């Protein structure tokens, strides 16, 4: 029978990562204490260190995470202009046909 995968909340991850950063105990001791793998603790520690600068950011969201599927406003305005021209042309053609 397969073991159920354990899920950890962000508070627990932060607590373990901070414990690893403090350096009071070795990573192996922390892993044994919390019944985790050393690699998992190192991953959480790395994530904490990489994300630490966001804690002190000015509150503006990063633009680097912008999705590439979303068209920018210039493309949208261009498309609106084309559709307006097409609509006017169709109206004119429909009037001439009647």
C-alpha atoms as a PDB file:
ATOM      1  CA  UNK A   1       0.000   0.000   0.000  1.00  0.00           C
ATOM      2  CA  UNK A   2       1.352   3.409  -0.954  1.00  0.00           C
ATOM      3  CA  UNK A   3       1.996   5.976   1.733  1.00  0.00           C
ATOM      4  CA  UNK A   4      -0.036   9.156   1.608  1.00  0.00           C
ATOM      5  CA  UNK A   5       2.025  12.182   0.649  1.00  0.00           C
ATOM      6  CA  UNK A   6       2.512  14.683   3.461  1.00  0.00           C
ATOM      7  CA  UNK A   7       1.516  18.294   2.833  1.00  0.00           C
ATOM      8  CA  UNK A   8       3.149  21.114   4.766  1.00  0.00           C
ATOM      9  CA  UNK A   9       1.740  24.594   5.227  1.00  0.00           C
ATOM     10  CA  UNK A  10       3.806  27.693   4.591  1.00  0.00           C
ATOM     11  CA  UNK A  11       4.204  28.492   8.306  1.00  0.00           C
ATOM     12  CA  UNK A  12       5.870  25.133   8.953  1.00  0.00           C
ATOM     13  CA  UNK A  13       8.134  25.521   5.911  1.00  0.00           C
ATOM     14  CA  UNK A  14       9.200  28.984   7.069  1.00  0.00           C
ATOM     15  CA  UNK A  15       9.860  27.738  10.590  1.00  0.00           C
ATOM     16  CA  UNK A  16      12.076  24.882   9.366  1.00  0.00           C
ATOM     17  CA  UNK A  17      13.891  27.096   6.831  1.00  0.00           C
ATOM     18  CA  UNK A  18      14.593  29.756   9.474  1.00  0.00           C
ATOM     19  CA  UNK A  19      15.868  27.076  11.811  1.00  0.00           C
ATOM     20  CA  UNK A  20      18.244  25.931   9.057  1.00  0.00           C
ATOM     21  CA  UNK A  21      19.425  29.489   8.376  1.00  0.00           C
ATOM     22  CA  UNK A  22      20.132  30.172  12.063  1.00  0.00           C
ATOM     23  CA  UNK A  23      22.689  27.396  12.105  1.00  0.00           C
ATOM     24  CA  UNK A  24      22.152  26.402  15.744  1.00  0.00           C
ATOM     25  CA  UNK A  25      21.745  22.804  14.608  1.00  0.00           C
ATOM     26  CA  UNK A  26      22.966  20.956  11.560  1.00  0.00           C
ATOM     27  CA  UNK A  27      20.630  20.284   8.660  1.00  0.00           C
ATOM     28  CA  UNK A  28      20.772  16.583   9.518  1.00  0.00           C
ATOM     29  CA  UNK A  29      19.613  17.240  13.072  1.00  0.00           C
ATOM     30  CA  UNK A  30      16.756  19.417  11.849  1.00  0.00           C
ATOM     31  CA  UNK A  31      15.755  16.752   9.326  1.00  0.00           C
ATOM     32  CA  UNK A  32      15.718  14.104  12.027  1.00  0.00           C
ATOM     33  CA  UNK A  33      13.732  16.310  14.402  1.00  0.00           C
ATOM     34  CA  UNK A  34      10.993  17.082  11.861  1.00  0.00           C
ATOM     35  CA  UNK A  35      11.195  13.730  10.019  1.00  0.00           C
ATOM     36  CA  UNK A  36      12.112  15.384   6.728  1.00  0.00           C
ATOM     37  CA  UNK A  37      14.735  14.772   4.088  1.00  0.00           C
ATOM     38  CA  UNK A  38      17.835  16.974   4.056  1.00  0.00           C
ATOM     39  CA  UNK A  39      17.202  17.923   0.424  1.00  0.00           C
ATOM     40  CA  UNK A  40      13.717  19.202   1.286  1.00  0.00           C
ATOM     41  CA  UNK A  41      15.074  21.436   4.035  1.00  0.00           C
ATOM     42  CA  UNK A  42      17.779  22.803   1.731  1.00  0.00           C
ATOM     43  CA  UNK A  43      15.137  23.542  -0.919  1.00  0.00           C
ATOM     44  CA  UNK A  44      12.942  25.446   1.562  1.00  0.00           C
ATOM     45  CA  UNK A  45      16.000  27.334   2.836  1.00  0.00           C
ATOM     46  CA  UNK A  46      16.935  28.329  -0.722  1.00  0.00           C
ATOM     47  CA  UNK A  47      13.356  29.457  -1.460  1.00  0.00           C
ATOM     48  CA  UNK A  48      13.297  31.552   1.705  1.00  0.00           C
ATOM     49  CA  UNK A  49      16.584  33.244   0.894  1.00  0.00           C
ATOM     50  CA  UNK A  50      15.519  33.966  -2.708  1.00  0.00           C
ATOM     51  CA  UNK A  51      12.135  35.355  -1.655  1.00  0.00           C
ATOM     52  CA  UNK A  52      13.403  37.413   1.272  1.00  0.00           C
ATOM     53  CA  UNK A  53      13.785  40.580  -0.805  1.00  0.00           C
ATOM     54  CA  UNK A  54      10.047  40.534  -1.577  1.00  0.00           C
ATOM     55  CA  UNK A  55       9.308  41.052   2.109  1.00  0.00           C
ATOM     56  CA  UNK A  56      10.909  44.484   1.953  1.00  0.00           C
ATOM     57  CA  UNK A  57       9.621  45.480  -1.487  1.00  0.00           C
ATOM     58  CA  UNK A  58       7.449  48.572  -1.876  1.00  0.00           C
ATOM     59  CA  UNK A  59       4.302  46.505  -2.418  1.00  0.00           C
ATOM     60  CA  UNK A  60       4.218  46.778  -6.204  1.00  0.00           C
ATOM     61  CA  UNK A  61       3.820  43.449  -8.009  1.00  0.00           C
ATOM     62  CA  UNK A  62       6.693  42.324 -10.198  1.00  0.00           C
ATOM     63  CA  UNK A  63       6.239  42.729 -13.936  1.00  0.00           C
ATOM     64  CA  UNK A  64       8.529  39.769 -14.638  1.00  0.00           C
ATOM     65  CA  UNK A  65       5.687  37.337 -13.915  1.00  0.00           C
ATOM     66  CA  UNK A  66       3.493  38.799 -16.678  1.00  0.00           C
ATOM     67  CA  UNK A  67       1.918  36.055 -18.718  1.00  0.00           C
ATOM     68  CA  UNK A  68       3.064  35.913 -22.342  1.00  0.00           C
ATOM     69  CA  UNK A  69      -0.435  34.803 -23.492  1.00  0.00           C
ATOM     70  CA  UNK A  70      -1.934  38.198 -22.665  1.00  0.00           C
ATOM     71  CA  UNK A  71      -1.671  40.709 -25.513  1.00  0.00           C
ATOM     72  CA  UNK A  72      -0.457  44.163 -24.597  1.00  0.00           C
ATOM     73  CA  UNK A  73      -2.665  47.247 -24.907  1.00  0.00           C
ATOM     74  CA  UNK A  74      -1.122  48.399 -28.216  1.00  0.00           C
ATOM     75  CA  UNK A  75      -2.133  45.152 -29.907  1.00  0.00           C
ATOM     76  CA  UNK A  76      -5.645  45.417 -28.508  1.00  0.00           C
ATOM     77  CA  UNK A  77      -6.086  49.020 -29.719  1.00  0.00           C
ATOM     78  CA  UNK A  78      -4.818  47.992 -33.150  1.00  0.00           C
ATOM     79  CA  UNK A  79      -7.367  45.182 -33.306  1.00  0.00           C
ATOM     80  CA  UNK A  80     -10.176  47.549 -32.212  1.00  0.00           C
ATOM     81  CA  UNK A  81      -9.225  49.936 -35.014  1.00  0.00           C
ATOM     82  CA  UNK A  82      -9.297  47.168 -37.623  1.00  0.00           C
ATOM     83  CA  UNK A  83     -12.690  45.974 -36.407  1.00  0.00           C
ATOM     84  CA  UNK A  84     -14.135  49.497 -36.585  1.00  0.00           C
ATOM     85  CA  UNK A  85     -12.941  49.884 -40.170  1.00  0.00           C
ATOM     86  CA  UNK A  86     -14.439  46.513 -41.101  1.00  0.00           C
ATOM     87  CA  UNK A  87     -17.749  47.409 -39.436  1.00  0.00           C
ATOM     88  CA  UNK A  88     -17.995  50.714 -41.306  1.00  0.00           C
ATOM     89  CA  UNK A  89     -17.207  48.974 -44.591  1.00  0.00           C
ATOM     90  CA  UNK A  90     -19.871  46.318 -43.972  1.00  0.00           C
ATOM     91  CA  UNK A  91     -22.452  49.008 -43.100  1.00  0.00           C
ATOM     92  CA  UNK A  92     -21.658  50.821 -46.345  1.00  0.00           C
ATOM     93  CA  UNK A  93     -21.878  47.636 -48.419  1.00  0.00           C
ATOM     94  CA  UNK A  94     -25.188  46.698 -46.765  1.00  0.00           C
ATOM     95  CA  UNK A  95     -26.679  50.168 -47.532  1.00  0.00           C
ATOM     96  CA  UNK A  96     -25.587  50.017 -51.158  1.00  0.00           C
ATOM     97  CA  UNK A  97     -27.141  46.547 -51.565  1.00  0.00           C
ATOM     98  CA  UNK A  98     -30.558  47.734 -50.435  1.00  0.00           C
END
